[in-house]
Amino acid sequence: MTEPHYPQIILSFAYRGCKIEIDRDQSDGHCIYAAWVNHAQGCAVAVPSATTPMDAIRRAKQWIDQEFVSV
Protein backbone atom coordinates (compact mmCIF):
# COMPACT_ATOMS: atom_id res chain seq x y z
CA MET A 1 0.00 0.00 0.00
CA THR A 2 1.30 3.47 -0.85
CA GLU A 3 1.69 6.16 1.76
CA PRO A 4 -1.07 8.78 1.70
CA HIS A 5 -0.02 12.36 1.07
CA TYR A 6 -0.95 14.78 3.81
CA PRO A 7 -0.55 18.40 2.74
CA GLN A 8 1.99 20.46 4.68
CA ILE A 9 0.39 23.88 4.43
CA ILE A 10 3.06 26.51 5.04
CA LEU A 11 1.03 29.59 4.11
CA SER A 12 -2.66 30.40 3.80
CA PHE A 13 -4.37 33.66 2.86
CA ALA A 14 -7.48 35.12 1.22
CA TYR A 15 -7.51 36.47 -2.32
CA ARG A 16 -10.64 37.74 -4.12
CA GLY A 17 -13.04 35.67 -2.06
CA CYS A 18 -10.96 32.51 -2.26
CA LYS A 19 -8.51 30.96 0.16
CA ILE A 20 -5.07 30.06 -1.23
CA GLU A 21 -3.06 27.42 0.61
CA ILE A 22 0.58 26.77 -0.25
CA ASP A 23 1.71 23.18 0.28
CA ARG A 24 5.35 22.08 0.52
CA ASP A 25 6.60 18.59 -0.36
CA GLN A 26 9.84 16.95 -1.45
CA SER A 27 10.73 15.24 -4.69
CA ASP A 28 14.20 13.79 -5.32
CA GLY A 29 15.50 15.73 -2.33
CA HIS A 30 14.21 19.10 -3.57
CA CYS A 31 11.34 21.13 -2.15
CA ILE A 32 8.38 21.57 -4.45
CA TYR A 33 5.31 23.68 -3.82
CA ALA A 34 1.66 23.40 -4.81
CA ALA A 35 -1.20 25.85 -4.47
CA TRP A 36 -4.68 24.77 -3.41
CA VAL A 37 -7.57 27.17 -3.97
CA ASN A 38 -10.67 26.85 -1.79
CA HIS A 39 -13.77 28.62 -3.09
CA ALA A 40 -17.55 28.54 -2.68
CA GLN A 41 -17.96 25.67 -5.16
CA GLY A 42 -15.21 23.47 -3.66
CA CYS A 43 -11.46 23.31 -3.94
CA ALA A 44 -8.89 22.75 -6.67
CA VAL A 45 -5.18 22.27 -7.08
CA ALA A 46 -4.52 25.42 -9.09
CA VAL A 47 -0.76 24.88 -9.23
CA PRO A 48 0.34 21.25 -8.99
CA SER A 49 4.08 22.00 -8.97
CA ALA A 50 6.20 25.12 -8.53
CA THR A 51 9.84 25.59 -7.61
CA THR A 52 9.30 28.44 -5.13
CA PRO A 53 6.45 29.55 -2.85
CA MET A 54 6.33 32.92 -4.65
CA ASP A 55 5.89 31.20 -8.02
CA ALA A 56 3.05 29.07 -6.60
CA ILE A 57 1.36 32.19 -5.18
CA ARG A 58 1.70 34.15 -8.43
CA ARG A 59 0.30 31.29 -10.51
CA ALA A 60 -2.56 30.64 -8.04
CA LYS A 61 -3.61 34.29 -8.25
CA GLN A 62 -3.52 34.07 -12.06
CA TRP A 63 -5.66 30.91 -11.89
CA ILE A 64 -8.25 32.68 -9.72
CA ASP A 65 -8.27 35.72 -12.01
CA GLN A 66 -8.88 33.49 -15.05
CA GLU A 67 -11.47 31.22 -13.44
CA PHE A 68 -13.58 33.71 -11.49
CA VAL A 69 -12.90 37.36 -12.27
CA SER A 70 -13.01 37.29 -16.07
CA VAL A 71 -16.33 35.40 -16.14
C-alpha atoms as a PDB file:
ATOM      1  CA  MET A   1       0.000   0.000   0.000  1.00  0.00           C
ATOM      2  CA  THR A   2       1.299   3.467  -0.846  1.00  0.00           C
ATOM      3  CA  GLU A   3       1.690   6.158   1.756  1.00  0.00           C
ATOM      4  CA  PRO A   4      -1.073   8.777   1.698  1.00  0.00           C
ATOM      5  CA  HIS A   5      -0.016  12.357   1.067  1.00  0.00           C
ATOM      6  CA  TYR A   6      -0.952  14.778   3.808  1.00  0.00           C
ATOM      7  CA  PRO A   7      -0.546  18.400   2.740  1.00  0.00           C
ATOM      8  CA  GLN A   8       1.988  20.456   4.677  1.00  0.00           C
ATOM      9  CA  ILE A   9       0.392  23.877   4.429  1.00  0.00           C
ATOM     10  CA  ILE A  10       3.061  26.508   5.043  1.00  0.00           C
ATOM     11  CA  LEU A  11       1.027  29.593   4.112  1.00  0.00           C
ATOM     12  CA  SER A  12      -2.664  30.400   3.800  1.00  0.00           C
ATOM     13  CA  PHE A  13      -4.367  33.658   2.860  1.00  0.00           C
ATOM     14  CA  ALA A  14      -7.482  35.116   1.222  1.00  0.00           C
ATOM     15  CA  TYR A  15      -7.508  36.467  -2.316  1.00  0.00           C
ATOM     16  CA  ARG A  16     -10.639  37.743  -4.119  1.00  0.00           C
ATOM     17  CA  GLY A  17     -13.044  35.671  -2.059  1.00  0.00           C
ATOM     18  CA  CYS A  18     -10.956  32.505  -2.263  1.00  0.00           C
ATOM     19  CA  LYS A  19      -8.508  30.961   0.159  1.00  0.00           C
ATOM     20  CA  ILE A  20      -5.071  30.060  -1.231  1.00  0.00           C
ATOM     21  CA  GLU A  21      -3.059  27.419   0.614  1.00  0.00           C
ATOM     22  CA  ILE A  22       0.578  26.766  -0.248  1.00  0.00           C
ATOM     23  CA  ASP A  23       1.712  23.176   0.281  1.00  0.00           C
ATOM     24  CA  ARG A  24       5.354  22.079   0.525  1.00  0.00           C
ATOM     25  CA  ASP A  25       6.598  18.594  -0.361  1.00  0.00           C
ATOM     26  CA  GLN A  26       9.839  16.951  -1.451  1.00  0.00           C
ATOM     27  CA  SER A  27      10.734  15.236  -4.693  1.00  0.00           C
ATOM     28  CA  ASP A  28      14.198  13.791  -5.324  1.00  0.00           C
ATOM     29  CA  GLY A  29      15.502  15.729  -2.326  1.00  0.00           C
ATOM     30  CA  HIS A  30      14.215  19.102  -3.570  1.00  0.00           C
ATOM     31  CA  CYS A  31      11.338  21.128  -2.150  1.00  0.00           C
ATOM     32  CA  ILE A  32       8.379  21.570  -4.449  1.00  0.00           C
ATOM     33  CA  TYR A  33       5.308  23.683  -3.820  1.00  0.00           C
ATOM     34  CA  ALA A  34       1.665  23.403  -4.806  1.00  0.00           C
ATOM     35  CA  ALA A  35      -1.204  25.851  -4.467  1.00  0.00           C
ATOM     36  CA  TRP A  36      -4.679  24.769  -3.414  1.00  0.00           C
ATOM     37  CA  VAL A  37      -7.572  27.167  -3.972  1.00  0.00           C
ATOM     38  CA  ASN A  38     -10.668  26.848  -1.794  1.00  0.00           C
ATOM     39  CA  HIS A  39     -13.769  28.624  -3.086  1.00  0.00           C
ATOM     40  CA  ALA A  40     -17.554  28.542  -2.680  1.00  0.00           C
ATOM     41  CA  GLN A  41     -17.961  25.669  -5.162  1.00  0.00           C
ATOM     42  CA  GLY A  42     -15.208  23.467  -3.660  1.00  0.00           C
ATOM     43  CA  CYS A  43     -11.457  23.307  -3.936  1.00  0.00           C
ATOM     44  CA  ALA A  44      -8.894  22.749  -6.672  1.00  0.00           C
ATOM     45  CA  VAL A  45      -5.181  22.272  -7.082  1.00  0.00           C
ATOM     46  CA  ALA A  46      -4.523  25.419  -9.094  1.00  0.00           C
ATOM     47  CA  VAL A  47      -0.757  24.883  -9.225  1.00  0.00           C
ATOM     48  CA  PRO A  48       0.345  21.247  -8.986  1.00  0.00           C
ATOM     49  CA  SER A  49       4.079  22.001  -8.966  1.00  0.00           C
ATOM     50  CA  ALA A  50       6.199  25.115  -8.533  1.00  0.00           C
ATOM     51  CA  THR A  51       9.844  25.586  -7.609  1.00  0.00           C
ATOM     52  CA  THR A  52       9.304  28.437  -5.126  1.00  0.00           C
ATOM     53  CA  PRO A  53       6.446  29.553  -2.854  1.00  0.00           C
ATOM     54  CA  MET A  54       6.329  32.920  -4.646  1.00  0.00           C
ATOM     55  CA  ASP A  55       5.885  31.202  -8.020  1.00  0.00           C
ATOM     56  CA  ALA A  56       3.051  29.074  -6.599  1.00  0.00           C
ATOM     57  CA  ILE A  57       1.363  32.194  -5.184  1.00  0.00           C
ATOM     58  CA  ARG A  58       1.699  34.151  -8.435  1.00  0.00           C
ATOM     59  CA  ARG A  59       0.298  31.291 -10.509  1.00  0.00           C
ATOM     60  CA  ALA A  60      -2.556  30.637  -8.040  1.00  0.00           C
ATOM     61  CA  LYS A  61      -3.606  34.294  -8.249  1.00  0.00           C
ATOM     62  CA  GLN A  62      -3.524  34.073 -12.056  1.00  0.00           C
ATOM     63  CA  TRP A  63      -5.659  30.912 -11.890  1.00  0.00           C
ATOM     64  CA  ILE A  64      -8.247  32.679  -9.718  1.00  0.00           C
ATOM     65  CA  ASP A  65      -8.268  35.719 -12.015  1.00  0.00           C
ATOM     66  CA  GLN A  66      -8.879  33.489 -15.049  1.00  0.00           C
ATOM     67  CA  GLU A  67     -11.466  31.215 -13.443  1.00  0.00           C
ATOM     68  CA  PHE A  68     -13.576  33.706 -11.493  1.00  0.00           C
ATOM     69  CA  VAL A  69     -12.898  37.357 -12.269  1.00  0.00           C
ATOM     70  CA  SER A  70     -13.013  37.290 -16.067  1.00  0.00           C
ATOM     71  CA  VAL A  71     -16.327  35.400 -16.143  1.00  0.00           C
END
